[in-house]
Protein backbone atom coordinates (compact mmCIF):
# COMPACT_ATOMS: atom_id res chain seq x y z
CA MET A 1 24.69 -36.18 -88.36
CA LEU A 2 28.00 -36.15 -86.25
CA TYR A 3 27.81 -32.59 -85.55
CA VAL A 4 23.75 -32.22 -84.44
CA VAL A 5 24.67 -35.32 -81.59
CA LEU A 6 27.85 -33.16 -80.54
CA LEU A 7 25.42 -30.76 -80.17
CA PHE A 8 23.80 -32.46 -78.25
CA VAL A 9 26.23 -33.68 -75.87
CA VAL A 10 27.59 -29.89 -75.40
CA LEU A 11 24.36 -28.54 -74.82
CA SER A 12 23.13 -31.66 -72.42
CA PHE A 13 26.31 -31.12 -70.48
CA PHE A 14 26.59 -27.34 -70.13
CA LEU A 15 23.10 -27.64 -69.12
CA TYR A 16 23.27 -30.25 -66.63
CA VAL A 17 26.01 -28.39 -65.03
CA LEU A 18 24.20 -24.85 -64.85
CA LEU A 19 20.61 -26.77 -63.41
CA GLY A 20 21.83 -29.67 -61.81
CA GLY A 21 24.29 -27.12 -60.19
CA ALA A 22 22.24 -25.06 -58.73
CA ASP A 23 20.17 -27.59 -57.33
CA PHE A 24 22.83 -29.08 -55.56
CA GLY A 25 24.60 -25.68 -54.80
CA ALA A 26 21.56 -24.99 -52.75
CA GLY A 27 21.76 -27.57 -50.58
CA THR A 28 25.58 -26.95 -49.64
CA LEU A 29 24.24 -23.37 -49.12
CA GLU A 30 21.26 -24.73 -46.75
CA LEU A 31 24.66 -26.83 -45.01
CA PHE A 32 26.91 -23.44 -44.49
CA SER A 33 24.55 -21.24 -43.12
CA GLY A 34 23.46 -20.94 -39.57
CA PRO A 35 20.31 -21.94 -38.01
CA ASP A 36 18.22 -19.11 -39.24
CA HIS A 37 19.21 -19.04 -42.56
CA LYS A 38 18.68 -22.57 -43.09
CA LYS A 39 15.05 -22.03 -42.64
CA SER A 40 15.21 -18.95 -44.68
CA ILE A 41 17.61 -21.14 -48.05
CA LYS A 42 14.70 -24.38 -46.79
CA LYS A 43 11.62 -22.53 -47.33
CA THR A 44 13.31 -20.81 -50.79
CA VAL A 45 14.49 -23.64 -52.19
CA TYR A 46 11.12 -26.28 -51.59
CA SER A 47 9.85 -23.59 -53.47
CA VAL A 48 11.90 -23.15 -56.46
CA MET A 49 13.56 -26.81 -56.36
CA GLY A 50 9.82 -28.31 -56.04
CA PRO A 51 8.05 -28.40 -59.01
CA VAL A 52 11.17 -29.11 -61.34
CA TRP A 53 14.14 -30.05 -59.47
CA GLU A 54 13.70 -34.30 -61.33
CA ALA A 55 13.55 -32.26 -64.39
CA ASN A 56 17.12 -31.43 -64.48
CA HIS A 57 18.13 -34.75 -64.63
CA ILE A 58 17.27 -35.13 -68.31
CA TRP A 59 19.84 -33.74 -69.46
CA ILE A 60 22.49 -35.78 -67.82
CA ILE A 61 20.80 -38.83 -68.53
CA ILE A 62 20.89 -37.78 -72.40
CA LEU A 63 24.75 -37.25 -71.61
CA ILE A 64 25.07 -40.49 -71.02
CA VAL A 65 22.54 -41.87 -73.67
CA VAL A 66 24.37 -40.19 -76.48
CA LEU A 67 27.90 -41.33 -75.11
CA TRP A 68 26.64 -44.75 -74.72
CA ILE A 69 24.93 -45.14 -78.55
CA GLY A 70 27.75 -42.57 -80.44
CA PHE A 71 31.01 -42.93 -78.42
CA PRO A 72 30.89 -46.46 -77.55
CA GLU A 73 35.09 -46.26 -77.15
CA PHE A 74 35.12 -43.61 -74.79
CA TYR A 75 31.82 -44.02 -72.61
CA ASN A 76 33.46 -47.71 -71.83
CA VAL A 77 36.55 -46.65 -70.24
CA VAL A 78 34.64 -43.66 -68.13
CA ILE A 79 32.04 -46.08 -66.93
CA ILE A 80 34.34 -48.52 -66.28
CA TYR A 81 37.57 -46.74 -64.77
CA MET A 82 35.32 -44.03 -63.37
CA HIS A 83 32.62 -47.29 -61.65
CA ILE A 84 33.02 -46.37 -58.25
CA PRO A 85 32.76 -42.49 -58.40
CA LEU A 86 30.04 -42.70 -60.76
CA THR A 87 29.05 -45.33 -58.04
CA LEU A 88 29.14 -42.40 -55.09
CA ILE A 89 27.93 -39.70 -57.83
CA LEU A 90 24.57 -42.14 -58.25
CA LEU A 91 24.08 -42.72 -54.57
CA GLY A 92 24.38 -39.30 -53.97
CA ILE A 93 21.90 -38.24 -56.29
CA THR A 94 19.65 -40.43 -54.96
CA LEU A 95 20.28 -40.02 -51.23
CA ARG A 96 19.71 -36.16 -52.28
CA GLY A 97 15.82 -37.10 -53.90
CA VAL A 98 14.92 -39.52 -51.10
CA ALA A 99 15.36 -36.79 -48.60
CA PHE A 100 13.91 -33.96 -50.29
CA VAL A 101 10.70 -35.61 -50.44
CA PHE A 102 10.94 -37.11 -46.76
CA ARG A 103 11.65 -33.74 -45.33
CA HIS A 104 8.99 -32.22 -47.52
CA TYR A 105 6.31 -35.22 -47.20
CA ASP A 106 6.20 -36.99 -44.12
CA ALA A 107 3.17 -37.65 -42.87
CA ILE A 108 5.37 -37.40 -38.90
CA LYS A 109 7.14 -34.64 -38.53
CA ASP A 110 10.30 -35.09 -35.64
CA HIS A 111 13.83 -35.46 -35.04
CA THR A 112 13.99 -37.32 -37.99
CA GLN A 113 13.32 -33.89 -39.40
CA ASN A 114 17.00 -33.23 -39.22
CA LEU A 115 18.25 -36.62 -40.35
CA TYR A 116 16.50 -35.89 -43.74
CA ASP A 117 18.11 -32.16 -43.28
CA ARG A 118 21.56 -33.73 -43.39
CA MET A 119 21.07 -36.46 -45.76
CA PHE A 120 20.11 -33.44 -48.01
CA GLU A 121 22.32 -31.00 -47.53
CA PHE A 122 25.51 -33.70 -47.52
CA SER A 123 24.72 -35.41 -50.69
CA CYS A 124 24.16 -31.99 -52.20
CA LEU A 125 27.85 -31.36 -50.71
CA VAL A 126 30.01 -34.38 -51.97
CA THR A 127 27.87 -35.09 -55.20
CA PRO A 128 29.40 -32.23 -57.30
CA ILE A 129 32.63 -33.45 -54.92
CA PHE A 130 32.78 -36.51 -56.85
CA LEU A 131 31.69 -35.25 -60.56
CA GLY A 132 34.41 -32.58 -60.83
CA MET A 133 36.69 -36.09 -59.26
CA THR A 134 35.61 -37.64 -62.50
CA PHE A 135 36.13 -35.12 -65.09
CA GLY A 136 39.32 -34.06 -63.08
CA ALA A 137 40.46 -37.71 -63.37
CA LEU A 138 40.00 -38.06 -67.07
CA LEU A 139 42.23 -35.26 -67.42
CA ASN A 140 45.23 -36.07 -65.33
CA GLY A 141 46.86 -38.56 -66.81
CA ASP A 142 46.89 -41.02 -64.46
CA VAL A 143 43.91 -43.57 -66.37
CA GLN A 144 45.42 -46.45 -67.33
CA THR A 145 43.32 -49.36 -69.21
CA LEU A 146 43.64 -53.21 -68.59
CA GLU A 147 45.11 -52.93 -72.77
CA GLN A 148 47.92 -50.70 -71.54
CA ALA A 149 47.96 -52.66 -67.90
CA PRO A 150 47.14 -55.86 -67.62
CA ASN A 151 49.14 -56.94 -64.42
CA ALA A 152 47.98 -53.50 -63.04
CA SER A 153 46.30 -53.99 -59.23
CA PHE A 154 42.76 -53.23 -58.75
CA VAL A 155 44.15 -49.66 -56.48
CA GLU A 156 45.86 -48.74 -59.61
CA LEU A 157 43.36 -49.12 -62.02
CA TYR A 158 40.00 -47.78 -60.17
CA ILE A 159 40.96 -45.64 -57.48
CA HIS A 160 44.53 -44.58 -57.49
CA PRO A 161 43.54 -42.06 -61.00
CA TRP A 162 40.53 -40.25 -59.35
CA LEU A 163 41.97 -40.18 -55.62
CA GLN A 164 44.69 -37.76 -56.52
CA PRO A 165 45.58 -34.14 -55.67
CA PHE A 166 44.39 -32.70 -59.07
CA PRO A 167 41.13 -34.48 -59.02
CA LEU A 168 40.43 -33.67 -55.55
CA PHE A 169 40.70 -30.06 -56.18
CA THR A 170 38.56 -30.06 -59.52
CA GLY A 171 35.79 -31.64 -57.39
CA PHE A 172 35.98 -29.15 -54.83
CA PHE A 173 36.20 -25.89 -57.85
CA PHE A 174 32.99 -27.99 -58.90
CA SER A 175 31.10 -27.95 -55.59
CA ALA A 176 32.16 -24.13 -54.98
CA LEU A 177 31.05 -23.15 -58.87
CA CYS A 178 27.66 -24.91 -57.91
CA VAL A 179 27.08 -22.89 -54.60
CA PHE A 180 27.95 -19.57 -56.69
CA LEU A 181 25.31 -20.36 -59.14
CA ALA A 182 22.86 -21.25 -56.38
CA ALA A 183 23.41 -18.24 -54.58
CA THR A 184 23.26 -15.88 -57.69
CA PHE A 185 20.07 -17.86 -58.42
CA LEU A 186 18.25 -17.73 -55.73
CA ILE A 187 18.79 -14.07 -54.96
CA GLY A 188 16.02 -13.41 -57.61
CA GLU A 189 13.53 -15.18 -55.69
CA ALA A 190 14.58 -13.72 -52.10
CA LYS A 191 12.64 -11.63 -50.19
CA ASP A 192 14.17 -7.98 -49.66
CA TYR A 193 15.30 -8.65 -46.66
CA GLU A 194 16.89 -11.72 -48.19
CA LYS A 195 19.02 -10.51 -50.82
CA ARG A 196 21.88 -9.19 -48.71
CA MET A 197 22.27 -12.79 -47.41
CA TYR A 198 22.81 -14.08 -50.54
CA MET A 199 24.67 -11.61 -52.25
CA ARG A 200 27.22 -12.43 -49.12
CA LYS A 201 26.91 -15.85 -49.82
CA ALA A 202 27.60 -15.44 -53.46
CA ALA A 203 30.54 -12.87 -53.18
CA VAL A 204 31.47 -15.78 -50.55
CA ALA A 205 31.63 -18.76 -53.50
CA ILE A 206 33.01 -16.20 -56.35
CA ILE A 207 36.17 -15.90 -54.36
CA ALA A 208 36.53 -19.92 -53.03
CA VAL A 209 35.52 -20.29 -57.24
CA VAL A 210 38.67 -18.14 -57.72
CA VAL A 211 40.89 -19.52 -55.02
CA ILE A 212 40.60 -23.14 -55.59
CA GLY A 213 40.38 -23.27 -59.32
CA PHE A 214 44.61 -21.26 -58.61
CA ALA A 215 44.99 -23.88 -56.44
CA THR A 216 43.57 -26.34 -58.82
CA ILE A 217 45.59 -25.67 -62.07
CA LEU A 218 49.14 -24.62 -59.59
CA ILE A 219 49.16 -28.12 -58.17
CA GLY A 220 48.22 -29.61 -62.28
CA TYR A 221 51.44 -27.56 -63.39
CA VAL A 222 53.65 -28.54 -60.23
CA GLN A 223 52.72 -31.98 -61.05
CA GLY A 224 53.47 -31.93 -64.63
CA ASN A 225 50.03 -32.32 -65.77
CA GLU A 226 49.77 -32.69 -69.66
CA PHE A 227 46.23 -30.54 -69.67
CA THR A 228 47.34 -27.97 -66.98
CA ASN A 229 50.25 -27.14 -69.37
CA GLU A 230 47.85 -26.77 -72.56
CA PHE A 231 45.65 -24.79 -70.68
CA ILE A 232 47.82 -22.22 -69.18
CA THR A 233 49.34 -21.37 -72.67
CA ASN A 234 46.42 -21.85 -74.61
CA PRO A 235 45.32 -18.19 -75.60
CA LEU A 236 41.61 -19.40 -76.30
CA ALA A 237 41.32 -21.13 -72.77
CA ILE A 238 43.42 -18.01 -70.38
CA GLY A 239 40.37 -15.86 -72.94
CA ALA A 240 37.75 -17.22 -71.27
CA VAL A 241 39.52 -17.75 -68.22
CA ALA A 242 39.77 -13.73 -67.68
CA LEU A 243 36.83 -13.20 -69.89
CA SER A 244 34.62 -14.90 -67.34
CA GLY A 245 36.78 -12.71 -64.16
CA ILE A 246 35.85 -9.34 -65.73
CA LEU A 247 32.48 -10.35 -65.91
CA LEU A 248 32.39 -10.32 -62.40
CA TYR A 249 31.67 -6.55 -62.24
CA PRO A 250 28.88 -6.23 -64.43
CA LEU A 251 27.16 -9.21 -63.01
CA TRP A 252 27.75 -7.53 -59.38
CA LYS A 253 26.23 -4.78 -60.85
CA VAL A 254 23.42 -6.57 -61.82
CA ILE A 255 22.06 -8.05 -58.72
CA ARG A 256 22.93 -4.46 -56.47
CA ILE A 257 20.33 -3.17 -58.65
CA GLY A 258 18.12 -6.41 -58.66
CA ARG A 259 17.91 -6.94 -62.71
CA VAL A 260 17.33 -10.79 -61.83
CA ILE A 261 17.31 -11.85 -66.00
CA TRP A 262 20.43 -10.18 -66.48
CA SER A 263 22.50 -11.55 -63.13
CA ARG A 264 21.41 -15.15 -63.99
CA PHE A 265 22.65 -14.67 -67.74
CA LEU A 266 25.93 -13.34 -66.76
CA ALA A 267 26.12 -16.06 -64.03
CA GLY A 268 25.36 -18.75 -66.56
CA LEU A 269 27.69 -17.42 -69.35
CA GLN A 270 30.59 -17.21 -66.51
CA VAL A 271 29.87 -20.61 -66.22
CA LEU A 272 29.76 -21.83 -70.44
CA LEU A 273 33.22 -19.54 -70.67
CA ILE A 274 34.50 -22.24 -67.85
CA LEU A 275 33.35 -24.92 -69.25
CA PHE A 276 34.73 -23.89 -72.66
CA ALA A 277 38.10 -22.85 -71.23
CA ALA A 278 38.84 -26.36 -69.73
CA ILE A 279 36.49 -29.01 -72.77
CA GLY A 280 38.14 -26.21 -75.23
CA THR A 281 41.56 -27.20 -73.76
CA HIS A 282 42.06 -30.55 -75.19
CA PHE A 283 38.88 -31.41 -77.59
CA PRO A 284 38.28 -33.66 -78.41
CA ASN A 285 41.21 -35.70 -76.20
CA LEU A 286 39.28 -35.98 -72.91
CA ILE A 287 40.56 -39.08 -71.50
CA ILE A 288 44.43 -38.58 -70.84
CA THR A 289 46.22 -41.92 -69.85
CA LYS A 290 49.50 -42.59 -69.31
CA GLN A 291 50.07 -44.19 -72.56
CA GLY A 292 48.60 -40.89 -74.13
CA PRO A 293 45.37 -39.27 -75.40
CA ILE A 294 42.14 -40.99 -75.94
CA SER A 295 39.43 -39.19 -78.53
CA LEU A 296 36.39 -39.09 -77.98
CA LEU A 297 35.70 -39.13 -81.35
CA ASN A 298 37.98 -42.78 -81.98
CA HIS A 299 35.58 -44.86 -83.53
CA THR A 300 32.20 -43.36 -83.02
CA ALA A 301 29.17 -45.24 -84.04
CA PRO A 302 28.60 -46.57 -87.74
CA GLU A 303 27.07 -43.27 -89.91
CA ARG A 304 24.06 -45.17 -89.76
CA VAL A 305 23.43 -45.53 -86.57
CA MET A 306 24.24 -41.33 -86.19
CA ASP A 307 21.69 -41.15 -88.14
CA VAL A 308 19.05 -42.60 -87.11
CA LEU A 309 20.52 -41.06 -83.28
CA GLY A 310 20.79 -37.37 -84.57
CA GLY A 311 17.33 -37.62 -85.78
CA SER A 312 15.97 -39.06 -83.18
CA LEU A 313 17.61 -35.98 -80.93
CA ILE A 314 16.43 -33.97 -83.29
CA ILE A 315 12.27 -35.18 -82.70
CA GLY A 316 12.91 -36.16 -78.89
CA GLY A 317 14.17 -31.89 -78.41
CA ALA A 318 11.17 -30.62 -80.16
CA LEU A 319 9.18 -32.46 -78.00
CA ILE A 320 10.77 -32.41 -74.89
CA ILE A 321 12.16 -28.22 -74.78
CA PRO A 322 9.30 -26.67 -75.23
CA GLY A 323 7.31 -29.07 -72.42
CA LEU A 324 10.12 -27.79 -69.72
CA ILE A 325 9.63 -24.45 -71.21
CA HIS A 326 5.97 -25.04 -70.61
CA LEU A 327 6.55 -26.92 -67.02
CA LEU A 328 8.79 -23.34 -65.99
CA LYS A 329 6.16 -21.31 -66.88
CA SER A 330 3.15 -23.66 -64.95
CA PHE A 331 5.38 -23.26 -61.50
CA ARG A 332 6.47 -19.63 -62.03
CA MET A 333 10.02 -20.30 -63.15
CA ILE A 334 10.03 -17.87 -66.10
CA LYS A 335 6.79 -15.65 -64.73
CA VAL A 336 8.84 -14.31 -62.00
CA LEU A 337 11.56 -13.84 -63.86
CA GLU A 338 9.38 -11.68 -66.10
CA GLU A 339 7.82 -10.13 -63.23
CA ARG A 340 10.92 -9.10 -61.24
CA ASP A 341 13.27 -7.82 -63.82
């Protein structure tokens, strides 16, 4: 059952990055748009996200619960030594949800709507940055546990590992990736005169992803980051990144001719390739401390627990996934694709 559990870990992580990331990117897209475009994006985002935006959080909930039960040592290191950025992520998700609801359903329409708009936009900007910073910190090599460094200060244990250039640029990279996903996905929901706007924004996001991604790798290389050194010498990682770059050409072609399903498929595939390059490089050693790596597979739950967990995930997936598909169909999220493709 270990492989079943790992499959759900990977699937949950990918789907949250893809779907939750697109939601965060939509708010960031709105933040960096002019007044006229803001109004159009706000309307489109509400019609797309409104019925299903909370459903996307199911994937991160599954991920957290599976790590907690199945991989307790790995989970404990993440939750203890990354508790500050994780708390900020939780705060960002909460503020985004509050702002999203009140800016549409507040009974009184006044200047407070501007406050809700700013809350929504800035929380959508900073939350993926902290998500990326957490991931970058785990791979940067500055994490140290109390067992490894019993005399370390609070700053050395809980702040220094994630407040570094490499984690910071990893956060910027993930935020740019979210904007790319949002702009690409929203092209299929836009009216004809809005599509050009989203195409321009998608192009800018692609440039940002490439530039920030290169800067992130460069920073890691200059710092002698173990993850970066393995990344740039790993043929699979380089091949995945190269293929992701090559796919930009067919993606742009299908966007221009209005092939909505293909544009979203290719965008999702590019994200999958980037995640494969980032995680596959060092799997299962997904935490790198000053004293060495910590494997996801170290001290996993007992076999009987894994059997129950894997069986529960199979049953739960059989119940949840059809329900989510029905939800998407009910609110035109799939029907729109079928009609416009």
